[in-house]
Amino acid sequence: CAIFSTHDLPRIRYKTSDSNLWRNMRRLEYWKRKIWIVPIHIPLENHWVLAVVYLETGIIRLFDSLGKSQRWDGIIEVS
């Protein structure tokens, strides 16, 4: 399983150089893993959720401690 860091994901979002991204993520070897664990920050809510991605089946499980009190309509996109 690959556990993504909250420090690595902003590097991707803000288009850091490939060499910088590779230097920081190569030890993770995420491309070899069947399961990815990804922390997700929702800035408008100042809230964190956790996604577990099962690459072989295409299943994504979202774990949210406030899941019953808020809806995700319009926040999560499925393509």
Protein backbone atom coordinates (compact mmCIF):
# COMPACT_ATOMS: atom_id res chain seq x y z
CA CYS A 1 0.00 0.00 0.00
CA ALA A 2 1.17 3.56 -0.68
CA ILE A 3 0.42 6.30 1.83
CA PHE A 4 0.56 9.74 0.24
CA SER A 5 1.83 12.60 2.35
CA THR A 6 -0.06 15.85 2.77
CA HIS A 7 3.21 17.54 1.76
CA ASP A 8 3.46 15.72 -1.58
CA LEU A 9 -0.02 16.37 -2.91
CA PRO A 10 0.25 20.21 -3.01
CA ARG A 11 3.45 19.79 -5.02
CA ILE A 12 1.39 18.07 -7.71
CA ARG A 13 -1.40 20.63 -7.57
CA TYR A 14 0.91 23.62 -7.87
CA LYS A 15 2.88 22.10 -10.74
CA THR A 16 6.28 21.59 -9.14
CA SER A 17 9.02 20.43 -11.47
CA ASP A 18 9.12 16.74 -12.37
CA SER A 19 12.60 16.39 -10.88
CA ASN A 20 11.48 17.85 -7.54
CA LEU A 21 8.36 15.69 -7.48
CA TRP A 22 10.32 12.55 -8.38
CA ARG A 23 12.98 13.25 -5.74
CA ASN A 24 10.33 13.49 -3.04
CA MET A 25 8.08 10.60 -4.11
CA ARG A 26 10.36 7.94 -5.59
CA ARG A 27 10.79 6.08 -2.29
CA LEU A 28 7.03 5.67 -2.10
CA GLU A 29 6.97 3.63 -5.35
CA TYR A 30 3.23 4.25 -5.58
CA TRP A 31 3.11 2.89 -9.13
CA LYS A 32 3.89 -0.59 -7.72
CA ARG A 33 1.16 -0.53 -5.06
CA LYS A 34 -2.35 -1.94 -5.36
CA ILE A 35 -3.84 0.33 -2.69
CA TRP A 36 -3.33 4.08 -2.23
CA ILE A 37 -4.20 5.95 0.96
CA VAL A 38 -4.75 9.63 0.24
CA PRO A 39 -5.51 12.40 2.77
CA ILE A 40 -7.81 15.07 1.31
CA HIS A 41 -8.21 18.56 2.71
CA ILE A 42 -11.48 20.44 2.16
CA PRO A 43 -10.37 24.08 2.60
CA LEU A 44 -13.87 25.60 2.72
CA GLU A 45 -14.74 23.38 5.66
CA ASN A 46 -11.21 23.25 7.15
CA HIS A 47 -11.78 19.51 7.36
CA TRP A 48 -9.81 16.40 6.41
CA VAL A 49 -11.10 13.14 4.97
CA LEU A 50 -9.28 9.98 3.97
CA ALA A 51 -9.63 8.19 0.64
CA VAL A 52 -8.53 4.60 0.11
CA VAL A 53 -8.14 3.76 -3.58
CA TYR A 54 -8.16 0.13 -4.70
CA LEU A 55 -6.54 0.36 -8.13
CA GLU A 56 -7.30 -3.17 -9.34
CA THR A 57 -11.05 -2.85 -8.80
CA GLY A 58 -11.46 0.91 -9.28
CA ILE A 59 -13.16 1.24 -5.89
CA ILE A 60 -12.61 4.38 -3.83
CA ARG A 61 -13.67 4.42 -0.19
CA LEU A 62 -14.04 7.79 1.50
CA PHE A 63 -13.76 7.98 5.28
CA ASP A 64 -15.19 11.11 6.85
CA SER A 65 -15.75 11.65 10.57
CA LEU A 66 -18.44 14.24 9.73
CA GLY A 67 -20.04 12.21 6.96
CA LYS A 68 -23.51 12.11 8.49
CA SER A 69 -23.63 15.85 9.17
CA GLN A 70 -22.60 17.11 5.73
CA ARG A 71 -23.22 16.06 2.15
CA TRP A 72 -20.62 15.76 -0.59
CA ASP A 73 -22.84 16.88 -3.47
CA GLY A 74 -20.86 19.21 -5.71
CA ILE A 75 -17.56 18.51 -3.95
CA ILE A 76 -16.74 15.07 -5.35
CA GLU A 77 -16.63 14.61 -9.11
CA VAL A 78 -16.97 11.21 -10.74
CA SER A 79 -15.66 10.80 -14.26
